[in-house]
Amino acid sequence: MEKLDTERFKVEKRLCLAEGESKYHLVCFGHHLAKREGYKEHTGLEALHYYLVKKHHWTPAKVFSLSEADLRFLFAEEMSGWTLPKEARD
């Protein structure tokens, strides 16, 4: 039983780390988008939300209700070819 528990925890840890890294990429892309769009106040995930409000005229409540999976889907085309800047990598 201990062996199964150990393996389960290893898998769960890898999953959580991958989810965190995925969110980090969204945050970094948000910084990139804020710079590209000339935002003065919004960075990171907030910049992604602000962009959707401006582009699609969605309400803040609508964009703040989006999951991270929704954001990855909505920004997949814009993130295509984009890579983390050197200073954002380990």
PDB file of N, CA and C in Angstrom:
ATOM      1  N   MET A   1       0.818  -1.199   0.000  1.00  0.00           N
ATOM      2  CA  MET A   1       0.000   0.000   0.000  1.00  0.00           C
ATOM      3  C   MET A   1       0.860   1.262   0.000  1.00  0.00           C
ATOM      4  N   GLU A   2       1.979   1.264   0.764  1.00  0.00           N
ATOM      5  CA  GLU A   2       2.848   2.440   0.809  1.00  0.00           C
ATOM      6  C   GLU A   2       3.419   2.775  -0.555  1.00  0.00           C
ATOM      7  N   LYS A   3       3.771   1.753  -1.321  1.00  0.00           N
ATOM      8  CA  LYS A   3       4.330   1.965  -2.659  1.00  0.00           C
ATOM      9  C   LYS A   3       3.306   2.686  -3.542  1.00  0.00           C
ATOM     10  N   LEU A   4       2.042   2.278  -3.470  1.00  0.00           N
ATOM     11  CA  LEU A   4       0.985   2.931  -4.246  1.00  0.00           C
ATOM     12  C   LEU A   4       0.795   4.369  -3.802  1.00  0.00           C
ATOM     13  N   ASP A   5       0.831   4.617  -2.503  1.00  0.00           N
ATOM     14  CA  ASP A   5       0.688   5.980  -1.988  1.00  0.00           C
ATOM     15  C   ASP A   5       1.831   6.856  -2.480  1.00  0.00           C
ATOM     16  N   THR A   6       3.052   6.332  -2.425  1.00  0.00           N
ATOM     17  CA  THR A   6       4.223   7.088  -2.877  1.00  0.00           C
ATOM     18  C   THR A   6       4.098   7.446  -4.348  1.00  0.00           C
ATOM     19  N   GLU A   7       3.717   6.491  -5.169  1.00  0.00           N
ATOM     20  CA  GLU A   7       3.561   6.748  -6.598  1.00  0.00           C
ATOM     21  C   GLU A   7       2.447   7.761  -6.857  1.00  0.00           C
ATOM     22  N   ARG A   8       1.339   7.618  -6.142  1.00  0.00           N
ATOM     23  CA  ARG A   8       0.222   8.557  -6.316  1.00  0.00           C
ATOM     24  C   ARG A   8       0.667   9.974  -5.989  1.00  0.00           C
ATOM     25  N   PHE A   9       1.406  10.142  -4.896  1.00  0.00           N
ATOM     26  CA  PHE A   9       1.881  11.472  -4.528  1.00  0.00           C
ATOM     27  C   PHE A   9       2.851  12.034  -5.559  1.00  0.00           C
ATOM     28  N   LYS A  10       3.691  11.200  -6.117  1.00  0.00           N
ATOM     29  CA  LYS A  10       4.614  11.654  -7.161  1.00  0.00           C
ATOM     30  C   LYS A  10       3.845  12.154  -8.383  1.00  0.00           C
ATOM     31  N   VAL A  11       2.841  11.410  -8.784  1.00  0.00           N
ATOM     32  CA  VAL A  11       2.015  11.807  -9.937  1.00  0.00           C
ATOM     33  C   VAL A  11       1.279  13.102  -9.633  1.00  0.00           C
ATOM     34  N   GLU A  12       0.692  13.196  -8.452  1.00  0.00           N
ATOM     35  CA  GLU A  12      -0.039  14.396  -8.076  1.00  0.00           C
ATOM     36  C   GLU A  12       0.886  15.614  -8.002  1.00  0.00           C
ATOM     37  N   LYS A  13       2.093  15.405  -7.515  1.00  0.00           N
ATOM     38  CA  LYS A  13       3.062  16.507  -7.446  1.00  0.00           C
ATOM     39  C   LYS A  13       3.413  17.000  -8.846  1.00  0.00           C
ATOM     40  N   ARG A  14       3.672  16.061  -9.762  1.00  0.00           N
ATOM     41  CA  ARG A  14       3.999  16.456 -11.143  1.00  0.00           C
ATOM     42  C   ARG A  14       2.843  17.215 -11.781  1.00  0.00           C
ATOM     43  N   LEU A  15       1.610  16.761 -11.528  1.00  0.00           N
ATOM     44  CA  LEU A  15       0.432  17.432 -12.068  1.00  0.00           C
ATOM     45  C   LEU A  15       0.319  18.854 -11.522  1.00  0.00           C
ATOM     46  N   CYS A  16       0.480  19.018 -10.221  1.00  0.00           N
ATOM     47  CA  CYS A  16       0.398  20.350  -9.611  1.00  0.00           C
ATOM     48  C   CYS A  16       1.499  21.278 -10.119  1.00  0.00           C
ATOM     49  N   LEU A  17       2.699  20.752 -10.267  1.00  0.00           N
ATOM     50  CA  LEU A  17       3.802  21.567 -10.792  1.00  0.00           C
ATOM     51  C   LEU A  17       3.545  21.985 -12.240  1.00  0.00           C
ATOM     52  N   ALA A  18       2.990  21.072 -13.033  1.00  0.00           N
ATOM     53  CA  ALA A  18       2.667  21.398 -14.427  1.00  0.00           C
ATOM     54  C   ALA A  18       1.575  22.462 -14.495  1.00  0.00           C
ATOM     55  N   GLU A  19       0.577  22.362 -13.624  1.00  0.00           N
ATOM     56  CA  GLU A  19      -0.486  23.375 -13.594  1.00  0.00           C
ATOM     57  C   GLU A  19       0.082  24.731 -13.199  1.00  0.00           C
ATOM     58  N   GLY A  20       0.978  24.740 -12.225  1.00  0.00           N
ATOM     59  CA  GLY A  20       1.615  25.988 -11.802  1.00  0.00           C
ATOM     60  C   GLY A  20       2.454  26.597 -12.908  1.00  0.00           C
ATOM     61  N   GLU A  21       3.171  25.759 -13.627  1.00  0.00           N
ATOM     62  CA  GLU A  21       3.992  26.263 -14.732  1.00  0.00           C
ATOM     63  C   GLU A  21       3.117  26.819 -15.852  1.00  0.00           C
ATOM     64  N   SER A  22       2.009  26.168 -16.113  1.00  0.00           N
ATOM     65  CA  SER A  22       1.080  26.649 -17.131  1.00  0.00           C
ATOM     66  C   SER A  22       0.536  28.028 -16.750  1.00  0.00           C
ATOM     67  N   LYS A  23       0.191  28.191 -15.473  1.00  0.00           N
ATOM     68  CA  LYS A  23      -0.299  29.497 -15.004  1.00  0.00           C
ATOM     69  C   LYS A  23       0.812  30.542 -15.121  1.00  0.00           C
ATOM     70  N   TYR A  24       2.035  30.163 -14.785  1.00  0.00           N
ATOM     71  CA  TYR A  24       3.168  31.077 -14.885  1.00  0.00           C
ATOM     72  C   TYR A  24       3.350  31.562 -16.325  1.00  0.00           C
ATOM     73  N   HIS A  25       3.177  30.686 -17.285  1.00  0.00           N
ATOM     74  CA  HIS A  25       3.285  31.077 -18.692  1.00  0.00           C
ATOM     75  C   HIS A  25       2.197  32.087 -19.050  1.00  0.00           C
ATOM     76  N   LEU A  26       0.983  31.880 -18.551  1.00  0.00           N
ATOM     77  CA  LEU A  26      -0.089  32.856 -18.796  1.00  0.00           C
ATOM     78  C   LEU A  26       0.262  34.209 -18.185  1.00  0.00           C
ATOM     79  N   VAL A  27       0.770  34.196 -16.958  1.00  0.00           N
ATOM     80  CA  VAL A  27       1.158  35.444 -16.295  1.00  0.00           C
ATOM     81  C   VAL A  27       2.233  36.161 -17.106  1.00  0.00           C
ATOM     82  N   CYS A  28       3.240  35.430 -17.538  1.00  0.00           N
ATOM     83  CA  CYS A  28       4.322  36.029 -18.327  1.00  0.00           C
ATOM     84  C   CYS A  28       3.803  36.549 -19.661  1.00  0.00           C
ATOM     85  N   PHE A  29       2.895  35.809 -20.300  1.00  0.00           N
ATOM     86  CA  PHE A  29       2.315  36.303 -21.543  1.00  0.00           C
ATOM     87  C   PHE A  29       1.514  37.568 -21.274  1.00  0.00           C
ATOM     88  N   GLY A  30       0.845  37.628 -20.139  1.00  0.00           N
ATOM     89  CA  GLY A  30       0.126  38.844 -19.766  1.00  0.00           C
ATOM     90  C   GLY A  30       1.052  40.040 -19.655  1.00  0.00           C
ATOM     91  N   HIS A  31       2.242  39.835 -19.097  1.00  0.00           N
ATOM     92  CA  HIS A  31       3.234  40.923 -19.033  1.00  0.00           C
ATOM     93  C   HIS A  31       3.632  41.353 -20.447  1.00  0.00           C
ATOM     94  N   HIS A  32       3.854  40.381 -21.312  1.00  0.00           N
ATOM     95  CA  HIS A  32       4.203  40.655 -22.711  1.00  0.00           C
ATOM     96  C   HIS A  32       3.084  41.443 -23.397  1.00  0.00           C
ATOM     97  N   LEU A  33       1.850  40.989 -23.204  1.00  0.00           N
ATOM     98  CA  LEU A  33       0.693  41.641 -23.816  1.00  0.00           C
ATOM     99  C   LEU A  33       0.532  43.070 -23.301  1.00  0.00           C
ATOM    100  N   ALA A  34       0.724  43.268 -22.005  1.00  0.00           N
ATOM    101  CA  ALA A  34       0.609  44.609 -21.418  1.00  0.00           C
ATOM    102  C   ALA A  34       1.632  45.553 -22.032  1.00  0.00           C
ATOM    103  N   LYS A  35       2.837  45.058 -22.220  1.00  0.00           N
ATOM    104  CA  LYS A  35       3.884  45.881 -22.840  1.00  0.00           C
ATOM    105  C   LYS A  35       3.527  46.183 -24.293  1.00  0.00           C
ATOM    106  N   ARG A  36       3.112  45.149 -25.020  1.00  0.00           N
ATOM    107  CA  ARG A  36       2.737  45.310 -26.436  1.00  0.00           C
ATOM    108  C   ARG A  36       1.596  46.307 -26.615  1.00  0.00           C
ATOM    109  N   GLU A  37       0.608  46.238 -25.725  1.00  0.00           N
ATOM    110  CA  GLU A  37      -0.572  47.090 -25.838  1.00  0.00           C
ATOM    111  C   GLU A  37      -0.403  48.447 -25.163  1.00  0.00           C
ATOM    112  N   GLY A  38       0.693  48.629 -24.460  1.00  0.00           N
ATOM    113  CA  GLY A  38       0.958  49.908 -23.795  1.00  0.00           C
ATOM    114  C   GLY A  38       0.137  50.143 -22.540  1.00  0.00           C
ATOM    115  N   TYR A  39      -0.225  49.067 -21.858  1.00  0.00           N
ATOM    116  CA  TYR A  39      -0.996  49.217 -20.624  1.00  0.00           C
ATOM    117  C   TYR A  39      -0.123  49.840 -19.538  1.00  0.00           C
ATOM    118  N   LYS A  40      -0.705  50.735 -18.782  1.00  0.00           N
ATOM    119  CA  LYS A  40       0.027  51.394 -17.714  1.00  0.00           C
ATOM    120  C   LYS A  40      -0.247  50.768 -16.354  1.00  0.00           C
ATOM    121  N   GLU A  41      -1.412  50.204 -16.168  1.00  0.00           N
ATOM    122  CA  GLU A  41      -1.822  49.698 -14.851  1.00  0.00           C
ATOM    123  C   GLU A  41      -1.984  48.182 -14.781  1.00  0.00           C
ATOM    124  N   HIS A  42      -2.230  47.535 -15.887  1.00  0.00           N
ATOM    125  CA  HIS A  42      -2.548  46.107 -15.876  1.00  0.00           C
ATOM    126  C   HIS A  42      -1.374  45.276 -16.375  1.00  0.00           C
ATOM    127  N   THR A  43      -1.027  44.247 -15.593  1.00  0.00           N
ATOM    128  CA  THR A  43       0.037  43.324 -15.980  1.00  0.00           C
ATOM    129  C   THR A  43      -0.418  41.903 -15.655  1.00  0.00           C
ATOM    130  N   GLY A  44       0.331  40.936 -16.101  1.00  0.00           N
ATOM    131  CA  GLY A  44       0.054  39.539 -15.778  1.00  0.00           C
ATOM    132  C   GLY A  44      -1.339  39.100 -16.188  1.00  0.00           C
ATOM    133  N   LEU A  45      -1.982  38.317 -15.343  1.00  0.00           N
ATOM    134  CA  LEU A  45      -3.322  37.815 -15.657  1.00  0.00           C
ATOM    135  C   LEU A  45      -4.318  38.954 -15.823  1.00  0.00           C
ATOM    136  N   GLU A  46      -4.133  40.010 -15.051  1.00  0.00           N
ATOM    137  CA  GLU A  46      -5.029  41.161 -15.148  1.00  0.00           C
ATOM    138  C   GLU A  46      -4.980  41.767 -16.558  1.00  0.00           C
ATOM    139  N   ALA A  47      -3.813  41.781 -17.164  1.00  0.00           N
ATOM    140  CA  ALA A  47      -3.687  42.294 -18.530  1.00  0.00           C
ATOM    141  C   ALA A  47      -4.467  41.425 -19.515  1.00  0.00           C
ATOM    142  N   LEU A  48      -4.457  40.120 -19.311  1.00  0.00           N
ATOM    143  CA  LEU A  48      -5.228  39.231 -20.181  1.00  0.00           C
ATOM    144  C   LEU A  48      -6.716  39.531 -20.052  1.00  0.00           C
ATOM    145  N   HIS A  49      -7.174  39.716 -18.831  1.00  0.00           N
ATOM    146  CA  HIS A  49      -8.580  40.038 -18.608  1.00  0.00           C
ATOM    147  C   HIS A  49      -8.939  41.385 -19.245  1.00  0.00           C
ATOM    148  N   TYR A  50      -8.088  42.368 -19.030  1.00  0.00           N
ATOM    149  CA  TYR A  50      -8.336  43.708 -19.578  1.00  0.00           C
ATOM    150  C   TYR A  50      -8.389  43.674 -21.112  1.00  0.00           C
ATOM    151  N   TYR A  51      -7.493  42.918 -21.712  1.00  0.00           N
ATOM    152  CA  TYR A  51      -7.461  42.773 -23.165  1.00  0.00           C
ATOM    153  C   TYR A  51      -8.793  42.222 -23.680  1.00  0.00           C
ATOM    154  N   LEU A  52      -9.327  41.209 -23.005  1.00  0.00           N
ATOM    155  CA  LEU A  52     -10.595  40.617 -23.432  1.00  0.00           C
ATOM    156  C   LEU A  52     -11.755  41.596 -23.268  1.00  0.00           C
ATOM    157  N   VAL A  53     -11.724  42.404 -22.212  1.00  0.00           N
ATOM    158  CA  VAL A  53     -12.758  43.430 -22.018  1.00  0.00           C
ATOM    159  C   VAL A  53     -12.709  44.414 -23.180  1.00  0.00           C
ATOM    160  N   LYS A  54     -11.500  44.880 -23.502  1.00  0.00           N
ATOM    161  CA  LYS A  54     -11.355  45.869 -24.580  1.00  0.00           C
ATOM    162  C   LYS A  54     -11.685  45.285 -25.958  1.00  0.00           C
ATOM    163  N   LYS A  55     -11.189  44.105 -26.235  1.00  0.00           N
ATOM    164  CA  LYS A  55     -11.346  43.516 -27.564  1.00  0.00           C
ATOM    165  C   LYS A  55     -12.768  43.042 -27.837  1.00  0.00           C
ATOM    166  N   HIS A  56     -13.373  42.391 -26.857  1.00  0.00           N
ATOM    167  CA  HIS A  56     -14.679  41.770 -27.088  1.00  0.00           C
ATOM    168  C   HIS A  56     -15.834  42.489 -26.397  1.00  0.00           C
ATOM    169  N   HIS A  57     -15.499  43.542 -25.659  1.00  0.00           N
ATOM    170  CA  HIS A  57     -16.512  44.311 -24.928  1.00  0.00           C
ATOM    171  C   HIS A  57     -17.258  43.446 -23.921  1.00  0.00           C
ATOM    172  N   TRP A  58     -16.524  42.476 -23.353  1.00  0.00           N
ATOM    173  CA  TRP A  58     -17.091  41.638 -22.308  1.00  0.00           C
ATOM    174  C   TRP A  58     -16.997  42.408 -20.992  1.00  0.00           C
ATOM    175  N   THR A  59     -17.850  42.095 -20.056  1.00  0.00           N
ATOM    176  CA  THR A  59     -17.793  42.747 -18.754  1.00  0.00           C
ATOM    177  C   THR A  59     -16.642  42.156 -17.933  1.00  0.00           C
ATOM    178  N   PRO A  60     -16.133  42.953 -16.982  1.00  0.00           N
ATOM    179  CA  PRO A  60     -15.111  42.382 -16.099  1.00  0.00           C
ATOM    180  C   PRO A  60     -15.606  41.123 -15.386  1.00  0.00           C
ATOM    181  N   ALA A  61     -16.869  41.105 -14.981  1.00  0.00           N
ATOM    182  CA  ALA A  61     -17.407  39.911 -14.316  1.00  0.00           C
ATOM    183  C   ALA A  61     -17.292  38.689 -15.224  1.00  0.00           C
ATOM    184  N   LYS A  62     -17.555  38.875 -16.505  1.00  0.00           N
ATOM    185  CA  LYS A  62     -17.462  37.765 -17.469  1.00  0.00           C
ATOM    186  C   LYS A  62     -16.027  37.253 -17.559  1.00  0.00           C
ATOM    187  N   VAL A  63     -15.072  38.174 -17.737  1.00  0.00           N
ATOM    188  CA  VAL A  63     -13.689  37.723 -17.926  1.00  0.00           C
ATOM    189  C   VAL A  63     -13.077  37.177 -16.645  1.00  0.00           C
ATOM    190  N   PHE A  64     -13.486  37.706 -15.484  1.00  0.00           N
ATOM    191  CA  PHE A  64     -12.953  37.179 -14.231  1.00  0.00           C
ATOM    192  C   PHE A  64     -13.540  35.816 -13.892  1.00  0.00           C
ATOM    193  N   SER A  65     -14.636  35.454 -14.542  1.00  0.00           N
ATOM    194  CA  SER A  65     -15.219  34.130 -14.304  1.00  0.00           C
ATOM    195  C   SER A  65     -14.554  33.039 -15.144  1.00  0.00           C
ATOM    196  N   LEU A  66     -13.689  33.431 -16.094  1.00  0.00           N
ATOM    197  CA  LEU A  66     -13.018  32.461 -16.953  1.00  0.00           C
ATOM    198  C   LEU A  66     -11.977  31.675 -16.160  1.00  0.00           C
ATOM    199  N   SER A  67     -11.892  30.405 -16.439  1.00  0.00           N
ATOM    200  CA  SER A  67     -10.878  29.570 -15.799  1.00  0.00           C
ATOM    201  C   SER A  67      -9.535  29.759 -16.515  1.00  0.00           C
ATOM    202  N   GLU A  68      -8.500  29.236 -15.916  1.00  0.00           N
ATOM    203  CA  GLU A  68      -7.187  29.282 -16.575  1.00  0.00           C
ATOM    204  C   GLU A  68      -7.220  28.485 -17.872  1.00  0.00           C
ATOM    205  N   ALA A  69      -7.951  27.391 -17.898  1.00  0.00           N
ATOM    206  CA  ALA A  69      -8.086  26.606 -19.135  1.00  0.00           C
ATOM    207  C   ALA A  69      -8.782  27.445 -20.211  1.00  0.00           C
ATOM    208  N   ASP A  70      -9.786  28.215 -19.812  1.00  0.00           N
ATOM    209  CA  ASP A  70     -10.459  29.108 -20.764  1.00  0.00           C
ATOM    210  C   ASP A  70      -9.472  30.127 -21.321  1.00  0.00           C
ATOM    211  N   LEU A  71      -8.680  30.722 -20.443  1.00  0.00           N
ATOM    212  CA  LEU A  71      -7.706  31.725 -20.890  1.00  0.00           C
ATOM    213  C   LEU A  71      -6.676  31.111 -21.829  1.00  0.00           C
ATOM    214  N   ARG A  72      -6.195  29.906 -21.499  1.00  0.00           N
ATOM    215  CA  ARG A  72      -5.238  29.247 -22.402  1.00  0.00           C
ATOM    216  C   ARG A  72      -5.864  29.018 -23.766  1.00  0.00           C
ATOM    217  N   PHE A  73      -7.118  28.600 -23.788  1.00  0.00           N
ATOM    218  CA  PHE A  73      -7.815  28.385 -25.053  1.00  0.00           C
ATOM    219  C   PHE A  73      -7.971  29.701 -25.817  1.00  0.00           C
ATOM    220  N   LEU A  74      -8.412  30.750 -25.146  1.00  0.00           N
ATOM    221  CA  LEU A  74      -8.667  32.031 -25.806  1.00  0.00           C
ATOM    222  C   LEU A  74      -7.393  32.692 -26.331  1.00  0.00           C
ATOM    223  N   PHE A  75      -6.275  32.452 -25.666  1.00  0.00           N
ATOM    224  CA  PHE A  75      -5.020  33.101 -26.077  1.00  0.00           C
ATOM    225  C   PHE A  75      -4.077  32.163 -26.830  1.00  0.00           C
ATOM    226  N   ALA A  76      -4.514  30.958 -27.128  1.00  0.00           N
ATOM    227  CA  ALA A  76      -3.637  29.980 -27.789  1.00  0.00           C
ATOM    228  C   ALA A  76      -3.073  30.507 -29.102  1.00  0.00           C
ATOM    229  N   GLU A  77      -3.903  31.121 -29.917  1.00  0.00           N
ATOM    230  CA  GLU A  77      -3.418  31.628 -31.210  1.00  0.00           C
ATOM    231  C   GLU A  77      -2.419  32.757 -31.011  1.00  0.00           C
ATOM    232  N   GLU A  78      -2.705  33.665 -30.095  1.00  0.00           N
ATOM    233  CA  GLU A  78      -1.789  34.787 -29.854  1.00  0.00           C
ATOM    234  C   GLU A  78      -0.495  34.327 -29.199  1.00  0.00           C
ATOM    235  N   MET A  79      -0.562  33.240 -28.439  1.00  0.00           N
ATOM    236  CA  MET A  79       0.641  32.727 -27.786  1.00  0.00           C
ATOM    237  C   MET A  79       1.456  31.826 -28.708  1.00  0.00           C
ATOM    238  N   SER A  80       0.901  31.453 -29.852  1.00  0.00           N
ATOM    239  CA  SER A  80       1.598  30.586 -30.786  1.00  0.00           C
ATOM    240  C   SER A  80       2.905  31.248 -31.230  1.00  0.00           C
ATOM    241  N   GLY A  81       3.995  30.560 -31.018  1.00  0.00           N
ATOM    242  CA  GLY A  81       5.307  31.094 -31.397  1.00  0.00           C
ATOM    243  C   GLY A  81       5.951  31.949 -30.317  1.00  0.00           C
ATOM    244  N   TRP A  82       5.181  32.376 -29.325  1.00  0.00           N
ATOM    245  CA  TRP A  82       5.722  33.174 -28.234  1.00  0.00           C
ATOM    246  C   TRP A  82       6.475  32.262 -27.276  1.00  0.00           C
ATOM    247  N   THR A  83       7.585  32.727 -26.776  1.00  0.00           N
ATOM    248  CA  THR A  83       8.335  31.957 -25.791  1.00  0.00           C
ATOM    249  C   THR A  83       8.618  32.846 -24.575  1.00  0.00           C
ATOM    250  N   LEU A  84       8.851  32.185 -23.466  1.00  0.00           N
ATOM    251  CA  LEU A  84       9.208  32.932 -22.260  1.00  0.00           C
ATOM    252  C   LEU A  84      10.465  33.743 -22.508  1.00  0.00           C
ATOM    253  N   PRO A  85      10.490  34.980 -22.056  1.00  0.00           N
ATOM    254  CA  PRO A  85      11.737  35.746 -22.181  1.00  0.00           C
ATOM    255  C   PRO A  85      12.836  35.132 -21.313  1.00  0.00           C
ATOM    256  N   LYS A  86      14.063  35.356 -21.695  1.00  0.00           N
ATOM    257  CA  LYS A  86      15.204  34.779 -20.973  1.00  0.00           C
ATOM    258  C   LYS A  86      15.132  35.026 -19.473  1.00  0.00           C
ATOM    259  N   GLU A  87      14.783  36.269 -19.112  1.00  0.00           N
ATOM    260  CA  GLU A  87      14.778  36.630 -17.698  1.00  0.00           C
ATOM    261  C   GLU A  87      13.658  35.944 -16.905  1.00  0.00           C
ATOM    262  N   ALA A  88      12.717  35.298 -17.587  1.00  0.00           N
ATOM    263  CA  ALA A  88      11.607  34.603 -16.914  1.00  0.00           C
ATOM    264  C   ALA A  88      11.865  33.111 -16.775  1.00  0.00           C
ATOM    265  N   ARG A  89      12.958  32.639 -17.350  1.00  0.00           N
ATOM    266  CA  ARG A  89      13.272  31.208 -17.296  1.00  0.00           C
ATOM    267  C   ARG A  89      14.136  30.904 -16.091  1.00  0.00           C
ATOM    268  N   ASP A  90      14.072  29.654 -15.651  1.00  0.00           N
ATOM    269  CA  ASP A  90      14.906  29.218 -14.501  1.00  0.00           C
ATOM    270  C   ASP A  90      16.361  29.259 -14.840  1.00  0.00           C
TER     271      ASP A  90
END
